[in-house]
Every structure is written in C-alpha cells, then in structure tokens.
Protein backbone atom coordinates (compact mmCIF):
# COMPACT_ATOMS: atom_id res chain seq x y z
CA MET A 1 0.00 0.00 0.00
CA ASN A 2 1.14 3.58 -0.64
CA TRP A 3 0.08 6.96 0.71
CA ASN A 4 -1.69 7.92 -2.51
CA LEU A 5 -4.12 5.03 -2.11
CA LEU A 6 -5.03 6.20 1.39
CA TYR A 7 -5.26 9.80 0.23
CA LYS A 8 -7.78 8.75 -2.42
CA ARG A 9 -9.96 7.28 0.31
CA ALA A 10 -10.10 10.54 2.25
CA TYR A 11 -13.48 12.25 2.00
CA ILE A 12 -12.52 15.82 1.10
CA PRO A 13 -15.14 17.29 -1.29
CA TYR A 14 -14.91 20.77 0.27
CA SER A 15 -11.20 21.42 0.80
CA GLU A 16 -9.61 18.89 -1.58
CA ARG A 17 -6.84 18.54 1.01
CA PRO A 18 -6.29 14.80 1.54
CA ALA A 19 -4.71 13.51 4.72
CA ALA A 20 -3.96 10.00 5.94
CA CYS A 21 -1.84 8.39 8.61
CA VAL A 22 -1.22 5.05 10.31
CA VAL A 23 -1.19 4.42 14.05
CA GLU A 24 0.76 1.54 15.57
CA SER A 25 -0.61 0.12 18.81
CA LYS A 26 1.45 -1.00 21.78
CA ASN A 27 0.75 -4.56 20.63
CA GLY A 28 2.29 -3.87 17.23
CA HIS A 29 -0.95 -3.70 15.21
CA PHE A 30 -1.54 -1.00 12.61
CA TYR A 31 -4.64 1.15 12.10
CA ALA A 32 -5.05 3.64 9.27
CA GLY A 33 -7.10 6.83 9.36
CA VAL A 34 -8.09 9.36 6.72
CA ARG A 35 -9.53 12.87 6.78
CA ILE A 36 -13.33 12.82 6.68
CA GLU A 37 -14.93 16.18 6.02
CA ASN A 38 -18.48 17.25 6.72
CA VAL A 39 -20.59 19.99 5.22
CA SER A 40 -20.80 21.25 8.82
CA TYR A 41 -17.05 21.85 8.96
CA PRO A 42 -16.48 21.70 12.75
CA ILE A 43 -17.55 18.04 12.64
CA THR A 44 -14.77 17.12 10.19
CA ILE A 45 -12.68 14.20 11.49
CA PRO A 46 -8.91 14.73 11.06
CA ALA A 47 -6.86 11.72 9.94
CA VAL A 48 -4.97 11.44 13.25
CA GLN A 49 -8.17 11.53 15.30
CA SER A 50 -9.68 8.90 13.01
CA ALA A 51 -6.71 6.52 13.29
CA CYS A 52 -6.36 6.89 17.06
CA ALA A 53 -10.09 6.40 17.67
CA ILE A 54 -10.14 3.31 15.46
CA CYS A 55 -7.16 1.88 17.36
CA LEU A 56 -8.80 2.58 20.73
CA SER A 57 -12.10 1.07 19.56
CA GLU A 58 -10.28 -2.21 19.00
CA GLY A 59 -9.16 -2.29 22.64
CA GLU A 60 -5.62 -1.16 21.88
CA ILE A 61 -3.48 1.82 22.89
CA PRO A 62 -1.77 4.02 20.27
CA ALA A 63 2.02 4.09 20.57
CA GLY A 64 3.41 5.21 17.21
CA LEU A 65 2.32 7.39 14.33
CA TYR A 66 3.42 7.07 10.69
CA ILE A 67 2.94 10.06 8.40
CA GLU A 68 4.31 11.82 5.37
CA ASN A 69 5.94 15.20 5.76
CA ARG A 70 2.86 17.44 5.74
CA GLU A 71 0.62 19.36 8.14
CA PHE A 72 -1.97 17.50 10.23
CA ASP A 73 -4.92 18.84 12.21
CA GLN A 74 -4.86 17.87 15.92
CA LEU A 75 -1.41 16.31 15.57
CA ASP A 76 0.04 17.94 18.70
CA PHE A 77 -2.88 16.83 20.88
CA TRP A 78 -2.76 13.14 19.93
CA VAL A 79 1.02 12.96 20.10
CA LYS A 80 0.93 14.38 23.63
CA GLU A 81 -2.13 12.36 24.69
CA PHE A 82 -0.46 9.00 24.06
CA ASN A 83 3.19 10.03 23.91
CA LEU A 84 3.26 8.88 20.30
CA LYS A 85 6.56 8.31 18.56
CA VAL A 86 6.22 10.01 15.17
CA HIS A 87 7.81 8.47 12.07
CA GLU A 88 7.96 10.26 8.72
CA VAL A 89 7.99 7.52 6.09
CA GLU A 90 7.72 7.28 2.31
CA SER A 91 5.05 4.57 2.45
CA PRO A 92 2.65 3.44 5.19
CA PRO A 93 3.62 0.30 7.15
CA ILE A 94 0.35 -1.47 6.36
CA GLU A 95 -0.74 -3.91 3.68
CA ASN A 96 -4.49 -3.33 3.69
CA THR A 97 -7.27 -1.60 5.62
CA GLU A 98 -9.97 -4.24 5.27
CA ASP A 99 -9.05 -6.32 8.33
CA LEU A 100 -11.79 -4.69 10.45
CA PHE A 101 -14.50 -5.66 7.95
CA HIS A 102 -16.75 -8.61 8.85
CA PRO A 103 -18.35 -10.71 6.06
CA ALA A 104 -22.12 -10.88 5.81
CA ASP A 105 -24.07 -13.60 7.62
CA ASN A 106 -27.69 -14.13 6.64
CA ASN A 107 -28.56 -15.62 10.04
CA PHE A 108 -26.87 -12.90 12.05
CA ASN A 109 -28.56 -11.59 15.21
CA THR A 110 -27.16 -8.11 15.75
CA LEU A 111 -28.27 -7.48 19.33
CA PRO A 112 -25.88 -9.93 21.08
CA LYS A 113 -22.98 -8.49 19.06
CA LEU A 114 -23.98 -4.90 19.89
CA LYS A 115 -24.17 -5.82 23.59
CA SER A 116 -20.75 -7.46 23.55
CA LEU A 117 -19.22 -4.47 21.79
CA LEU A 118 -20.23 -2.19 24.67
CA THR A 119 -17.33 -3.60 26.70
CA LYS A 120 -14.89 -2.05 24.19
CA ALA A 121 -16.21 1.49 24.65
CA VAL A 122 -13.69 3.93 26.16
CA THR A 123 -15.78 6.15 28.43
CA PRO A 124 -13.73 7.36 31.45
CA ASN A 125 -15.62 10.66 31.56
CA SER A 126 -19.24 9.75 30.89
CA ASP A 127 -19.47 6.03 31.77
CA PHE A 128 -22.01 5.88 28.93
CA PRO A 129 -20.94 3.14 26.48
CA VAL A 130 -22.43 3.05 22.99
CA SER A 131 -21.94 0.51 20.22
CA ALA A 132 -22.71 0.70 16.51
CA MET A 133 -22.71 -1.56 13.47
CA LEU A 134 -22.60 -0.20 9.93
CA PHE A 135 -23.82 -2.60 7.23
CA THR A 136 -22.85 -2.81 3.55
CA ASN A 137 -23.94 -5.22 0.83
CA ASP A 138 -21.13 -7.60 1.75
CA GLY A 139 -20.75 -7.28 5.52
CA TYR A 140 -20.36 -4.83 8.36
CA PHE A 141 -18.06 -2.70 10.51
CA GLU A 142 -18.15 -2.32 14.30
CA GLY A 143 -17.66 0.80 16.40
CA VAL A 144 -17.84 2.11 19.96
CA ASN A 145 -17.62 5.57 21.48
CA ILE A 146 -14.18 6.89 22.42
CA GLU A 147 -13.35 9.52 25.05
CA VAL A 148 -9.97 11.08 25.80
CA SER A 149 -8.68 13.77 28.16
CA ASP A 150 -10.09 16.56 25.98
CA TRP A 151 -13.86 16.07 25.82
CA THR A 152 -14.02 17.77 22.39
CA LYS A 153 -11.60 15.26 20.82
CA GLY A 154 -13.73 12.19 21.56
CA LEU A 155 -15.79 10.43 18.89
CA CYS A 156 -19.18 8.79 19.13
CA ALA A 157 -19.66 5.17 18.07
CA GLU A 158 -21.50 6.23 14.92
CA ARG A 159 -18.60 8.36 13.70
CA VAL A 160 -15.99 5.75 14.63
CA VAL A 161 -17.74 3.07 12.58
CA ILE A 162 -18.19 5.41 9.61
CA ALA A 163 -14.49 6.34 9.82
CA LYS A 164 -13.55 2.64 9.72
CA ALA A 165 -15.60 2.05 6.59
CA ILE A 166 -14.38 5.11 4.69
CA THR A 167 -10.75 4.37 5.57
CA ALA A 168 -11.29 0.87 4.18
CA GLY A 169 -12.47 2.42 0.92
CA ILE A 170 -16.15 1.54 1.35
CA THR A 171 -18.74 4.28 0.91
CA GLU A 172 -21.91 2.39 -0.08
CA PHE A 173 -23.95 1.57 3.03
CA GLU A 174 -27.22 -0.20 3.77
CA LYS A 175 -28.12 0.55 7.38
CA LEU A 176 -26.79 1.56 10.79
CA GLU A 177 -27.67 -0.08 14.11
CA ILE A 178 -26.93 1.51 17.50
CA HIS A 179 -27.16 0.29 21.10
CA THR A 180 -26.66 1.94 24.49
CA LYS A 181 -26.22 0.29 27.85
CA LYS A 182 -27.92 3.10 29.80
CA GLY A 183 -30.42 5.89 29.30
CA GLU A 184 -34.06 6.16 28.31
CA ILE A 185 -33.46 5.73 24.57
CA SER A 186 -30.63 4.91 22.20
CA SER A 187 -30.30 7.87 19.87
CA PRO A 188 -27.50 9.58 17.90
CA CYS A 189 -26.37 12.98 19.11
CA GLY A 190 -26.87 16.03 16.91
CA ALA A 191 -23.32 15.92 15.51
CA CYS A 192 -23.68 12.27 14.56
CA ARG A 193 -27.02 12.97 12.92
CA GLN A 194 -25.31 15.53 10.70
CA VAL A 195 -22.59 13.02 9.76
CA ILE A 196 -25.19 10.30 9.16
CA ALA A 197 -27.07 12.72 6.89
CA GLU A 198 -23.90 13.12 4.82
CA PHE A 199 -23.14 9.42 4.35
CA LEU A 200 -26.49 7.66 4.89
CA PRO A 201 -29.02 10.31 3.84
CA TYR A 202 -32.07 8.07 3.29
CA HIS A 203 -31.09 4.88 5.08
CA GLU A 204 -32.51 2.63 7.76
CA ILE A 205 -31.38 3.38 11.32
CA LYS A 206 -32.18 0.81 14.01
CA LEU A 207 -32.00 1.98 17.63
CA HIS A 208 -31.69 -0.75 20.25
CA HIS A 209 -32.69 0.84 23.54
CA ALA A 210 -31.21 -0.03 26.92
CA GLU A 211 -34.48 -1.40 28.28
CA GLY A 212 -34.79 -3.91 25.45
CA THR A 213 -37.05 -2.24 22.89
CA LEU A 214 -36.24 -1.42 19.28
CA SER A 215 -37.26 1.52 17.11
CA GLU A 216 -36.62 1.85 13.38
CA HIS A 217 -36.23 5.12 11.51
CA LEU A 218 -35.09 6.66 8.26
CA SER A 219 -32.03 8.84 8.72
CA ILE A 220 -33.78 11.83 7.12
CA ASP A 221 -36.34 11.70 9.96
CA LEU A 222 -33.59 12.01 12.59
CA LEU A 223 -32.47 15.37 11.22
CA PRO A 224 -35.20 17.01 9.14
CA PHE A 225 -34.23 20.12 7.17
CA ASN A 226 -30.57 19.21 7.63
CA PHE A 227 -27.84 21.34 6.07
CA LYS A 228 -26.87 19.71 2.77
CA SER A 229 -23.63 19.65 0.83
CA ALA A 230 -25.46 20.86 -2.27
CA SER A 231 -25.75 24.18 -0.45
CA LEU A 232 -21.98 24.71 -0.73
CA LYS A 233 -19.80 25.47 -3.69
CA LYS A 234 -17.30 22.62 -3.79
CA GLN A 235 -13.75 22.99 -5.07
CA GLY A 236 -12.96 22.32 -8.70
C-alpha cells in the first residue's frame, strides 16, 4: 500500500486537502485513518483523530504514528495524549485496511454483538458506552464511542464506525444499528445525525434501547431540514 491510495480514500469534497496516517498500537498492530470532512465543517474528522479512535475502539493503545511530511490537524494533541513516537515515512507500514470488515451472515442476530461491543467502549468521563454496526452489501463494521482527556476530541460510536468504513475504501452503506447500555433511549447525538445525513441520507437506522425495545427510523427523519452539501460550492 502507498500513501496515494489512502489519500484517495479521504473524503474531502470541500477542501480537496487529503490527509492520511497510520497508528501503531502498543501490541504492534496497525490502524489507518483518513480525513473525513463534513458539510458542517467543525464536525470534520482529522486523519490522526480517526486513526487513534479506530485503534482505541479495538481495545488497543496508540504508541506510534506514521505520516508523510505534511501538516496534520490535531497532531500535537494526539502525540501528547499517548506520547506517540512520530515516524515520517515514504510509504505506510500497512498492507491493507480491510481487516476490520466482517463478512455478511444471513442468520446474524445483531443485538448480542452490539451488547458485547459495549465492553470495548472507552468512556472514562461519561461512563455511557455506545456501540454501533454499519452494514454494507457484503458485511459490516463495528464501532464504539471513544473519550480522551479533551472532551471535544472524543468520537461517538457512529462516527468511529463510519471512519472505519471510509478508511477501508467503502462508501456504499445499507443501514446503521446503534445500542446503548444506559439511558431512556438509544439515539444519535446532533453531531452524529449531521454526519449520518452526509453518508447515509435516506437509510434505515435501528436503535436498540437499553431497556430492550427497538425503534426503526429513516435517517432523514432524525435530522429534518438538515444542512446539505449541495448548499456549498465545492472545489474544482
């Protein structure tokens, strides 16, 4: 794999400024991340945040960071947060980014998997674990919410799982399922609803609530009159 392949997977329709990196965990596993923009620009996910959150969602701790010689949003924070050793390299130390993809199973019961995923959530501040599964035609990705020392740098489960899929080069989705361990209802936050509107604009969203019930929605109903990318003049 080369950097250009990862750069092509970055979702950058507004800035056309691709960014990608690879995080190495303390166990020696590698996790890639790419820049994922949003029409609501403060919700854009920088490549370093994406890679670190993906690593943490797999129960691992970031230890090293591999990048090309270019500027990165949030770089100083994540390097300091995990005392990352930064390596500038000509090519990423990773063969593929599909390892976190799970093949489809026609007899798959999602609720037990969503419940088991809750144990992977990193929630030292809120103690409010959330899990998510994002489905494609051929299988699914898993995600949990991630919190770090700076509350604003955390990512919800919905955005973690979308980041995994986009980094893997997959952008065609079928549905999203979400589960919470606590609370009255399982429901995406406002920021996640805006991101969902960008990548799953008219898709099925299944919410598995903590007390055992299920509600099904279309994503457009979660954020009516949402701000759309067609409202902006894109580059090029």
